[in-house]
Amino acid sequence: MTGPAVLDIAREGIWAMILIGGPVMGVGLVVGVVIALFQALTQIQEQTLVFVPKILAIFITMLLTLPFMGAVLGGYMNRIVDMIMIGG
């Protein structure tokens, strides 16, 4: 396996990781900012107010994007297996 092929596999792996983690991280970020804004406006400093909505939002996002995540990982794995089978 040549150096450019290894770099190509690494680039595709990083891109797959961004595609899979992006929606979940984005939802977590948005929910966190909204909760922080709500806490700042109402001066409620309850710690569980941050975690429970964030966990629920991330869980729902993962359930909704699970087929997309599986398709991205499956496509990446198929490319890796094809490269292994052809030898390069």
N, C-alpha and C. Protein backbone atom coordinates (compact mmCIF):
# COMPACT_ATOMS: atom_id res chain seq x y z
N MET A 1 0.85 -1.17 0.00
CA MET A 1 0.00 0.00 0.00
C MET A 1 0.90 1.23 0.00
N THR A 2 0.59 2.15 -0.85
CA THR A 2 1.41 3.35 -0.99
C THR A 2 1.00 4.42 0.01
N GLY A 3 1.86 5.41 0.16
CA GLY A 3 1.58 6.51 1.08
C GLY A 3 0.33 7.29 0.73
N PRO A 4 0.14 7.65 -0.56
CA PRO A 4 -1.09 8.37 -0.90
C PRO A 4 -2.37 7.56 -0.64
N ALA A 5 -2.30 6.26 -0.80
CA ALA A 5 -3.47 5.42 -0.53
C ALA A 5 -3.81 5.44 0.96
N VAL A 6 -2.78 5.38 1.80
CA VAL A 6 -3.00 5.43 3.25
C VAL A 6 -3.59 6.78 3.65
N LEU A 7 -3.06 7.84 3.07
CA LEU A 7 -3.61 9.17 3.36
C LEU A 7 -5.05 9.31 2.89
N ASP A 8 -5.36 8.68 1.75
CA ASP A 8 -6.73 8.72 1.24
C ASP A 8 -7.69 7.98 2.17
N ILE A 9 -7.26 6.84 2.67
CA ILE A 9 -8.09 6.08 3.63
C ILE A 9 -8.29 6.89 4.91
N ALA A 10 -7.21 7.52 5.40
CA ALA A 10 -7.32 8.33 6.62
C ALA A 10 -8.24 9.52 6.40
N ARG A 11 -8.14 10.16 5.22
CA ARG A 11 -9.01 11.30 4.92
C ARG A 11 -10.46 10.87 4.89
N GLU A 12 -10.74 9.73 4.24
CA GLU A 12 -12.11 9.24 4.19
C GLU A 12 -12.62 8.86 5.59
N GLY A 13 -11.75 8.31 6.43
CA GLY A 13 -12.15 7.97 7.79
C GLY A 13 -12.49 9.19 8.62
N ILE A 14 -11.68 10.23 8.47
CA ILE A 14 -11.95 11.48 9.19
C ILE A 14 -13.25 12.11 8.69
N TRP A 15 -13.46 12.07 7.39
CA TRP A 15 -14.70 12.63 6.83
C TRP A 15 -15.91 11.84 7.33
N ALA A 16 -15.80 10.51 7.38
CA ALA A 16 -16.90 9.69 7.90
C ALA A 16 -17.18 10.03 9.36
N MET A 17 -16.12 10.23 10.13
CA MET A 17 -16.29 10.58 11.54
C MET A 17 -17.00 11.93 11.69
N ILE A 18 -16.65 12.89 10.84
CA ILE A 18 -17.31 14.20 10.89
C ILE A 18 -18.77 14.08 10.50
N LEU A 19 -19.06 13.29 9.46
CA LEU A 19 -20.45 13.12 9.03
C LEU A 19 -21.30 12.43 10.09
N ILE A 20 -20.70 11.48 10.80
CA ILE A 20 -21.46 10.74 11.81
C ILE A 20 -21.63 11.56 13.08
N GLY A 21 -20.57 12.23 13.52
CA GLY A 21 -20.63 12.97 14.78
C GLY A 21 -21.20 14.36 14.67
N GLY A 22 -21.20 14.93 13.46
CA GLY A 22 -21.63 16.31 13.27
C GLY A 22 -23.05 16.60 13.73
N PRO A 23 -24.03 15.85 13.26
CA PRO A 23 -25.41 16.16 13.68
C PRO A 23 -25.63 16.04 15.19
N VAL A 24 -25.04 15.02 15.79
CA VAL A 24 -25.22 14.83 17.23
C VAL A 24 -24.54 15.95 18.01
N MET A 25 -23.33 16.30 17.60
CA MET A 25 -22.62 17.38 18.28
C MET A 25 -23.31 18.73 18.05
N GLY A 26 -23.85 18.93 16.86
CA GLY A 26 -24.56 20.17 16.58
C GLY A 26 -25.80 20.33 17.44
N VAL A 27 -26.56 19.26 17.57
CA VAL A 27 -27.76 19.32 18.42
C VAL A 27 -27.38 19.55 19.87
N GLY A 28 -26.33 18.87 20.33
CA GLY A 28 -25.86 19.08 21.70
C GLY A 28 -25.43 20.52 21.95
N LEU A 29 -24.76 21.10 20.95
CA LEU A 29 -24.32 22.49 21.06
C LEU A 29 -25.50 23.44 21.11
N VAL A 30 -26.47 23.26 20.22
CA VAL A 30 -27.63 24.15 20.17
C VAL A 30 -28.45 24.05 21.46
N VAL A 31 -28.69 22.83 21.92
CA VAL A 31 -29.47 22.66 23.15
C VAL A 31 -28.71 23.26 24.34
N GLY A 32 -27.39 23.07 24.38
CA GLY A 32 -26.60 23.64 25.46
C GLY A 32 -26.65 25.15 25.49
N VAL A 33 -26.57 25.78 24.31
CA VAL A 33 -26.63 27.24 24.25
C VAL A 33 -28.01 27.75 24.65
N VAL A 34 -29.05 27.07 24.19
CA VAL A 34 -30.41 27.49 24.55
C VAL A 34 -30.63 27.37 26.05
N ILE A 35 -30.19 26.28 26.64
CA ILE A 35 -30.35 26.09 28.09
C ILE A 35 -29.51 27.13 28.85
N ALA A 36 -28.29 27.39 28.38
CA ALA A 36 -27.45 28.39 29.05
C ALA A 36 -28.09 29.78 28.97
N LEU A 37 -28.67 30.10 27.82
CA LEU A 37 -29.36 31.39 27.68
C LEU A 37 -30.56 31.46 28.60
N PHE A 38 -31.32 30.38 28.68
CA PHE A 38 -32.46 30.33 29.59
C PHE A 38 -32.02 30.50 31.03
N GLN A 39 -30.92 29.83 31.40
CA GLN A 39 -30.42 29.96 32.77
C GLN A 39 -29.93 31.38 33.06
N ALA A 40 -29.30 31.99 32.07
CA ALA A 40 -28.81 33.35 32.28
C ALA A 40 -29.96 34.35 32.41
N LEU A 41 -31.01 34.13 31.63
CA LEU A 41 -32.15 35.06 31.69
C LEU A 41 -32.98 34.91 32.95
N THR A 42 -33.10 33.68 33.45
CA THR A 42 -33.94 33.45 34.62
C THR A 42 -33.15 33.32 35.91
N GLN A 43 -31.83 33.29 35.82
CA GLN A 43 -30.94 33.13 36.96
C GLN A 43 -31.20 31.84 37.72
N ILE A 44 -31.63 30.80 37.01
CA ILE A 44 -31.77 29.47 37.59
C ILE A 44 -30.46 28.74 37.33
N GLN A 45 -29.79 28.29 38.37
CA GLN A 45 -28.49 27.64 38.21
C GLN A 45 -28.55 26.17 38.63
N GLU A 46 -29.55 25.48 38.18
CA GLU A 46 -29.70 24.07 38.49
C GLU A 46 -28.91 23.25 37.47
N GLN A 47 -28.03 22.37 37.95
CA GLN A 47 -27.17 21.61 37.06
C GLN A 47 -27.92 20.55 36.26
N THR A 48 -28.94 19.96 36.85
CA THR A 48 -29.69 18.93 36.12
C THR A 48 -30.49 19.52 34.97
N LEU A 49 -30.74 20.81 35.01
CA LEU A 49 -31.45 21.47 33.93
C LEU A 49 -30.64 21.43 32.63
N VAL A 50 -29.33 21.33 32.74
CA VAL A 50 -28.48 21.27 31.56
C VAL A 50 -28.43 19.85 31.01
N PHE A 51 -28.24 18.87 31.86
CA PHE A 51 -27.95 17.51 31.41
C PHE A 51 -29.16 16.77 30.85
N VAL A 52 -30.29 16.87 31.50
CA VAL A 52 -31.45 16.08 31.08
C VAL A 52 -31.93 16.45 29.67
N PRO A 53 -32.16 17.72 29.35
CA PRO A 53 -32.58 18.04 27.98
C PRO A 53 -31.52 17.71 26.94
N LYS A 54 -30.25 17.90 27.31
CA LYS A 54 -29.17 17.60 26.38
C LYS A 54 -29.12 16.10 26.07
N ILE A 55 -29.23 15.29 27.09
CA ILE A 55 -29.20 13.84 26.90
C ILE A 55 -30.39 13.39 26.07
N LEU A 56 -31.57 13.92 26.35
CA LEU A 56 -32.75 13.55 25.57
C LEU A 56 -32.63 13.99 24.11
N ALA A 57 -32.14 15.20 23.89
CA ALA A 57 -32.00 15.70 22.52
C ALA A 57 -30.98 14.88 21.74
N ILE A 58 -29.87 14.54 22.37
CA ILE A 58 -28.85 13.74 21.70
C ILE A 58 -29.37 12.34 21.42
N PHE A 59 -30.09 11.76 22.36
CA PHE A 59 -30.66 10.42 22.16
C PHE A 59 -31.65 10.42 21.00
N ILE A 60 -32.52 11.40 20.94
CA ILE A 60 -33.50 11.48 19.84
C ILE A 60 -32.79 11.70 18.51
N THR A 61 -31.77 12.55 18.51
CA THR A 61 -31.01 12.79 17.29
C THR A 61 -30.32 11.52 16.81
N MET A 62 -29.77 10.76 17.75
CA MET A 62 -29.13 9.50 17.36
C MET A 62 -30.13 8.52 16.79
N LEU A 63 -31.33 8.46 17.37
CA LEU A 63 -32.35 7.57 16.84
C LEU A 63 -32.77 7.97 15.42
N LEU A 64 -32.88 9.28 15.19
CA LEU A 64 -33.31 9.76 13.88
C LEU A 64 -32.22 9.61 12.81
N THR A 65 -30.96 9.77 13.20
CA THR A 65 -29.88 9.71 12.22
C THR A 65 -29.20 8.35 12.15
N LEU A 66 -29.71 7.37 12.86
CA LEU A 66 -29.09 6.04 12.86
C LEU A 66 -29.01 5.41 11.47
N PRO A 67 -30.04 5.49 10.63
CA PRO A 67 -29.88 4.92 9.27
C PRO A 67 -28.79 5.62 8.46
N PHE A 68 -28.70 6.94 8.60
CA PHE A 68 -27.65 7.68 7.91
C PHE A 68 -26.26 7.27 8.42
N MET A 69 -26.13 7.15 9.74
CA MET A 69 -24.85 6.74 10.32
C MET A 69 -24.45 5.35 9.83
N GLY A 70 -25.40 4.45 9.79
CA GLY A 70 -25.12 3.10 9.31
C GLY A 70 -24.71 3.08 7.85
N ALA A 71 -25.36 3.92 7.04
CA ALA A 71 -25.02 3.98 5.62
C ALA A 71 -23.61 4.53 5.41
N VAL A 72 -23.25 5.55 6.17
CA VAL A 72 -21.90 6.13 6.03
C VAL A 72 -20.85 5.11 6.45
N LEU A 73 -21.06 4.48 7.61
CA LEU A 73 -20.09 3.50 8.08
C LEU A 73 -20.04 2.28 7.17
N GLY A 74 -21.18 1.85 6.66
CA GLY A 74 -21.21 0.71 5.74
C GLY A 74 -20.48 1.01 4.44
N GLY A 75 -20.68 2.20 3.91
CA GLY A 75 -19.98 2.59 2.69
C GLY A 75 -18.48 2.66 2.88
N TYR A 76 -18.07 3.23 4.01
CA TYR A 76 -16.63 3.31 4.31
C TYR A 76 -16.04 1.92 4.47
N MET A 77 -16.73 1.05 5.18
CA MET A 77 -16.24 -0.31 5.38
C MET A 77 -16.17 -1.08 4.07
N ASN A 78 -17.15 -0.88 3.19
CA ASN A 78 -17.11 -1.55 1.89
C ASN A 78 -15.91 -1.10 1.07
N ARG A 79 -15.58 0.19 1.12
CA ARG A 79 -14.40 0.69 0.41
C ARG A 79 -13.12 0.08 0.98
N ILE A 80 -13.05 -0.03 2.30
CA ILE A 80 -11.87 -0.63 2.93
C ILE A 80 -11.74 -2.09 2.53
N VAL A 81 -12.84 -2.84 2.59
CA VAL A 81 -12.81 -4.27 2.24
C VAL A 81 -12.44 -4.44 0.77
N ASP A 82 -12.99 -3.60 -0.10
CA ASP A 82 -12.63 -3.68 -1.52
C ASP A 82 -11.14 -3.43 -1.72
N MET A 83 -10.58 -2.46 -1.00
CA MET A 83 -9.16 -2.19 -1.15
C MET A 83 -8.33 -3.36 -0.63
N ILE A 84 -8.79 -4.01 0.43
CA ILE A 84 -8.07 -5.18 0.97
C ILE A 84 -8.11 -6.33 -0.04
N MET A 85 -9.29 -6.53 -0.65
CA MET A 85 -9.45 -7.64 -1.59
C MET A 85 -8.63 -7.45 -2.87
N ILE A 86 -8.55 -6.22 -3.35
CA ILE A 86 -7.78 -5.99 -4.58
C ILE A 86 -6.29 -5.86 -4.25
N GLY A 87 -5.99 -5.59 -3.02
CA GLY A 87 -4.58 -5.52 -2.64
C GLY A 87 -3.97 -4.14 -2.79
N GLY A 88 -4.76 -3.12 -2.78
CA GLY A 88 -4.14 -1.81 -2.88
C GLY A 88 -5.14 -0.81 -3.09
